[in-house]
Amino acid sequence: MSPLTPQKHMSVKSGNVEVVDVQKKLKKQTDEERRLAEMMIPKKKKRLYQKIMHARKRKAKEVKVQWLVPNFLKKNVNSRKRPKVH
């Protein structure tokens, strides 16, 4: 069909109300702003920033693991000491 001839069997359907999750939208926006701010960090200081963020993630992961590990296993995990050499 050429663009000038009308198309057949076209119809209009009723739409649905779009549900907007405000919290999700706000989080997405702040994450994007944070990523853009990270891109603006000078190259000299970017390595230091990456080290700080890596340490922060590692600590958060350790805390999460401590909550998951039962109490009787915590003692064994935390008490990894070297054997005494005589």
N, C-alpha and C. Protein backbone atom coordinates (compact mmCIF):
# COMPACT_ATOMS: atom_id res chain seq x y z
N MET A 1 0.83 -1.19 0.00
CA MET A 1 0.00 0.00 0.00
C MET A 1 0.87 1.25 0.00
N SER A 2 0.42 2.22 -0.71
CA SER A 2 1.15 3.48 -0.70
C SER A 2 0.73 4.29 0.53
N PRO A 3 1.53 5.22 0.96
CA PRO A 3 1.21 5.99 2.16
C PRO A 3 -0.03 6.88 2.01
N LEU A 4 -0.48 7.12 0.79
CA LEU A 4 -1.62 7.99 0.60
C LEU A 4 -2.96 7.26 0.72
N THR A 5 -2.97 5.95 0.53
CA THR A 5 -4.22 5.21 0.63
C THR A 5 -4.48 4.84 2.08
N PRO A 6 -5.74 4.94 2.52
CA PRO A 6 -6.04 4.61 3.93
C PRO A 6 -5.90 3.11 4.18
N GLN A 7 -5.44 2.76 5.36
CA GLN A 7 -5.29 1.36 5.72
C GLN A 7 -6.62 0.84 6.25
N LYS A 8 -6.91 -0.42 5.95
CA LYS A 8 -8.16 -1.01 6.40
C LYS A 8 -7.93 -1.75 7.72
N HIS A 9 -9.01 -1.98 8.42
CA HIS A 9 -9.02 -2.76 9.66
C HIS A 9 -8.23 -2.11 10.79
N MET A 10 -8.18 -0.81 10.81
CA MET A 10 -7.54 -0.12 11.92
C MET A 10 -8.62 0.23 12.94
N SER A 11 -8.26 0.16 14.19
CA SER A 11 -9.23 0.50 15.22
C SER A 11 -8.51 1.16 16.39
N VAL A 12 -9.28 1.83 17.21
CA VAL A 12 -8.76 2.49 18.39
C VAL A 12 -9.15 1.65 19.60
N LYS A 13 -8.18 1.37 20.45
CA LYS A 13 -8.44 0.57 21.65
C LYS A 13 -8.30 1.47 22.87
N SER A 14 -9.04 1.15 23.90
CA SER A 14 -8.95 1.94 25.13
C SER A 14 -7.62 1.64 25.83
N GLY A 15 -7.05 2.65 26.41
CA GLY A 15 -5.76 2.49 27.07
C GLY A 15 -5.91 2.17 28.54
N ASN A 16 -4.79 1.81 29.16
CA ASN A 16 -4.75 1.52 30.59
C ASN A 16 -3.97 2.62 31.31
N VAL A 17 -4.30 2.86 32.54
CA VAL A 17 -3.59 3.85 33.33
C VAL A 17 -2.22 3.27 33.69
N GLU A 18 -1.19 4.05 33.44
CA GLU A 18 0.16 3.61 33.74
C GLU A 18 0.43 3.80 35.23
N VAL A 19 0.84 2.74 35.89
CA VAL A 19 1.14 2.80 37.31
C VAL A 19 2.61 3.18 37.46
N VAL A 20 2.86 4.30 38.12
CA VAL A 20 4.22 4.80 38.30
C VAL A 20 4.66 4.51 39.72
N ASP A 21 5.74 3.77 39.83
CA ASP A 21 6.32 3.49 41.15
C ASP A 21 7.28 4.62 41.48
N VAL A 22 6.88 5.51 42.37
CA VAL A 22 7.64 6.72 42.67
C VAL A 22 8.99 6.36 43.29
N GLN A 23 9.01 5.40 44.20
CA GLN A 23 10.27 5.01 44.85
C GLN A 23 11.27 4.47 43.84
N LYS A 24 10.78 3.63 42.93
CA LYS A 24 11.65 3.03 41.92
C LYS A 24 12.20 4.09 40.97
N LYS A 25 11.32 5.03 40.59
CA LYS A 25 11.73 6.10 39.69
C LYS A 25 12.76 7.01 40.36
N LEU A 26 12.56 7.33 41.63
CA LEU A 26 13.49 8.17 42.37
C LEU A 26 14.84 7.48 42.53
N LYS A 27 14.83 6.18 42.84
CA LYS A 27 16.07 5.43 42.99
C LYS A 27 16.83 5.37 41.67
N LYS A 28 16.11 5.17 40.58
CA LYS A 28 16.74 5.11 39.26
C LYS A 28 17.40 6.45 38.93
N GLN A 29 16.73 7.54 39.28
CA GLN A 29 17.28 8.87 39.00
C GLN A 29 18.52 9.14 39.83
N THR A 30 18.49 8.80 41.13
CA THR A 30 19.66 9.03 41.97
C THR A 30 20.83 8.15 41.56
N ASP A 31 20.55 6.91 41.13
CA ASP A 31 21.61 6.04 40.64
C ASP A 31 22.27 6.62 39.39
N GLU A 32 21.45 7.16 38.51
CA GLU A 32 21.99 7.76 37.29
C GLU A 32 22.84 8.98 37.62
N GLU A 33 22.37 9.80 38.56
CA GLU A 33 23.14 10.98 38.97
C GLU A 33 24.48 10.57 39.58
N ARG A 34 24.46 9.49 40.39
CA ARG A 34 25.69 9.01 41.00
C ARG A 34 26.68 8.53 39.93
N ARG A 35 26.17 7.78 38.93
CA ARG A 35 27.04 7.29 37.86
C ARG A 35 27.64 8.45 37.06
N LEU A 36 26.84 9.47 36.80
CA LEU A 36 27.36 10.63 36.08
C LEU A 36 28.41 11.37 36.91
N ALA A 37 28.18 11.45 38.22
CA ALA A 37 29.15 12.10 39.09
C ALA A 37 30.45 11.31 39.12
N GLU A 38 30.36 9.97 39.09
CA GLU A 38 31.57 9.14 39.06
C GLU A 38 32.36 9.37 37.78
N MET A 39 31.65 9.59 36.68
CA MET A 39 32.35 9.85 35.42
C MET A 39 33.08 11.19 35.44
N MET A 40 32.60 12.11 36.26
CA MET A 40 33.21 13.43 36.33
C MET A 40 34.44 13.48 37.23
N ILE A 41 34.73 12.40 37.95
CA ILE A 41 35.90 12.38 38.83
C ILE A 41 37.15 12.41 37.98
N PRO A 42 38.12 13.26 38.32
CA PRO A 42 39.36 13.31 37.55
C PRO A 42 40.08 11.97 37.59
N LYS A 43 40.83 11.70 36.55
CA LYS A 43 41.50 10.40 36.41
C LYS A 43 42.46 10.15 37.57
N LYS A 44 43.09 11.22 38.08
CA LYS A 44 44.04 11.08 39.19
C LYS A 44 43.36 10.51 40.43
N LYS A 45 42.13 10.92 40.69
CA LYS A 45 41.45 10.54 41.93
C LYS A 45 40.50 9.36 41.77
N LYS A 46 40.28 8.92 40.54
CA LYS A 46 39.31 7.86 40.28
C LYS A 46 39.75 6.54 40.92
N ARG A 47 41.05 6.23 40.88
CA ARG A 47 41.56 4.98 41.46
C ARG A 47 41.31 4.95 42.97
N LEU A 48 41.54 6.05 43.65
CA LEU A 48 41.28 6.14 45.08
C LEU A 48 39.80 5.94 45.37
N TYR A 49 38.95 6.57 44.56
CA TYR A 49 37.50 6.41 44.74
C TYR A 49 37.09 4.95 44.56
N GLN A 50 37.65 4.28 43.55
CA GLN A 50 37.32 2.88 43.31
C GLN A 50 37.75 2.00 44.48
N LYS A 51 38.91 2.30 45.08
CA LYS A 51 39.37 1.53 46.24
C LYS A 51 38.43 1.72 47.43
N ILE A 52 37.99 2.95 47.65
CA ILE A 52 37.08 3.24 48.76
C ILE A 52 35.76 2.51 48.55
N MET A 53 35.21 2.54 47.34
CA MET A 53 33.94 1.88 47.06
C MET A 53 34.07 0.36 47.17
N HIS A 54 35.22 -0.18 46.75
CA HIS A 54 35.44 -1.63 46.86
C HIS A 54 35.47 -2.05 48.33
N ALA A 55 36.15 -1.27 49.16
CA ALA A 55 36.21 -1.58 50.59
C ALA A 55 34.81 -1.49 51.21
N ARG A 56 34.03 -0.51 50.81
CA ARG A 56 32.68 -0.35 51.34
C ARG A 56 31.81 -1.56 50.97
N LYS A 57 31.91 -2.01 49.72
CA LYS A 57 31.13 -3.17 49.28
C LYS A 57 31.56 -4.43 50.01
N ARG A 58 32.88 -4.58 50.22
CA ARG A 58 33.40 -5.76 50.91
C ARG A 58 32.90 -5.81 52.35
N LYS A 59 32.91 -4.68 53.03
CA LYS A 59 32.42 -4.63 54.41
C LYS A 59 30.93 -4.96 54.47
N ALA A 60 30.16 -4.43 53.52
CA ALA A 60 28.73 -4.71 53.49
C ALA A 60 28.49 -6.20 53.25
N LYS A 61 29.31 -6.80 52.41
CA LYS A 61 29.17 -8.23 52.13
C LYS A 61 29.50 -9.05 53.37
N GLU A 62 30.53 -8.65 54.12
CA GLU A 62 30.89 -9.37 55.35
C GLU A 62 29.76 -9.29 56.37
N VAL A 63 29.15 -8.15 56.50
CA VAL A 63 28.04 -7.98 57.45
C VAL A 63 26.89 -8.88 57.04
N LYS A 64 26.61 -8.93 55.75
CA LYS A 64 25.52 -9.77 55.25
C LYS A 64 25.80 -11.24 55.54
N VAL A 65 27.04 -11.68 55.36
CA VAL A 65 27.41 -13.08 55.62
C VAL A 65 27.29 -13.38 57.10
N GLN A 66 27.66 -12.45 57.96
CA GLN A 66 27.57 -12.68 59.41
C GLN A 66 26.13 -12.90 59.84
N TRP A 67 25.19 -12.23 59.19
CA TRP A 67 23.78 -12.42 59.53
C TRP A 67 23.28 -13.78 59.06
N LEU A 68 23.87 -14.28 57.98
CA LEU A 68 23.41 -15.55 57.43
C LEU A 68 24.00 -16.76 58.15
N VAL A 69 25.21 -16.61 58.68
CA VAL A 69 25.89 -17.73 59.31
C VAL A 69 25.33 -17.92 60.73
N PRO A 70 24.94 -19.14 61.10
CA PRO A 70 24.45 -19.37 62.47
C PRO A 70 25.54 -19.13 63.51
N ASN A 71 25.12 -18.97 64.76
CA ASN A 71 26.04 -18.63 65.83
C ASN A 71 27.12 -19.69 66.05
N PHE A 72 26.77 -20.96 65.94
CA PHE A 72 27.77 -21.98 66.21
C PHE A 72 28.83 -22.04 65.11
N LEU A 73 28.55 -21.56 63.93
CA LEU A 73 29.57 -21.53 62.88
C LEU A 73 30.42 -20.27 62.94
N LYS A 74 29.88 -19.20 63.52
CA LYS A 74 30.64 -17.95 63.61
C LYS A 74 31.95 -18.15 64.35
N LYS A 75 31.92 -18.92 65.43
CA LYS A 75 33.12 -19.12 66.23
C LYS A 75 34.20 -19.80 65.40
N ASN A 76 33.83 -20.78 64.59
CA ASN A 76 34.80 -21.48 63.77
C ASN A 76 35.33 -20.62 62.63
N VAL A 77 34.48 -19.78 62.04
CA VAL A 77 34.89 -18.94 60.93
C VAL A 77 35.84 -17.85 61.41
N ASN A 78 35.54 -17.25 62.57
CA ASN A 78 36.34 -16.13 63.05
C ASN A 78 37.61 -16.56 63.78
N SER A 79 37.72 -17.81 64.17
CA SER A 79 38.87 -18.23 64.95
C SER A 79 39.90 -18.98 64.10
N ARG A 80 40.23 -18.42 62.97
CA ARG A 80 41.24 -19.02 62.11
C ARG A 80 42.60 -18.48 62.52
N LYS A 81 43.24 -19.15 63.43
CA LYS A 81 44.55 -18.73 63.91
C LYS A 81 45.59 -19.72 63.39
N ARG A 82 46.80 -19.22 63.29
CA ARG A 82 47.89 -20.09 62.86
C ARG A 82 48.23 -21.07 63.97
N PRO A 83 48.58 -22.29 63.59
CA PRO A 83 49.03 -23.22 64.62
C PRO A 83 50.38 -22.78 65.19
N LYS A 84 50.59 -23.05 66.45
CA LYS A 84 51.85 -22.67 67.08
C LYS A 84 52.96 -23.60 66.62
N VAL A 85 54.07 -22.99 66.26
CA VAL A 85 55.23 -23.77 65.83
C VAL A 85 56.23 -23.78 66.96
N HIS A 86 56.65 -24.98 67.39
CA HIS A 86 57.60 -25.08 68.48
C HIS A 86 58.99 -25.33 68.00
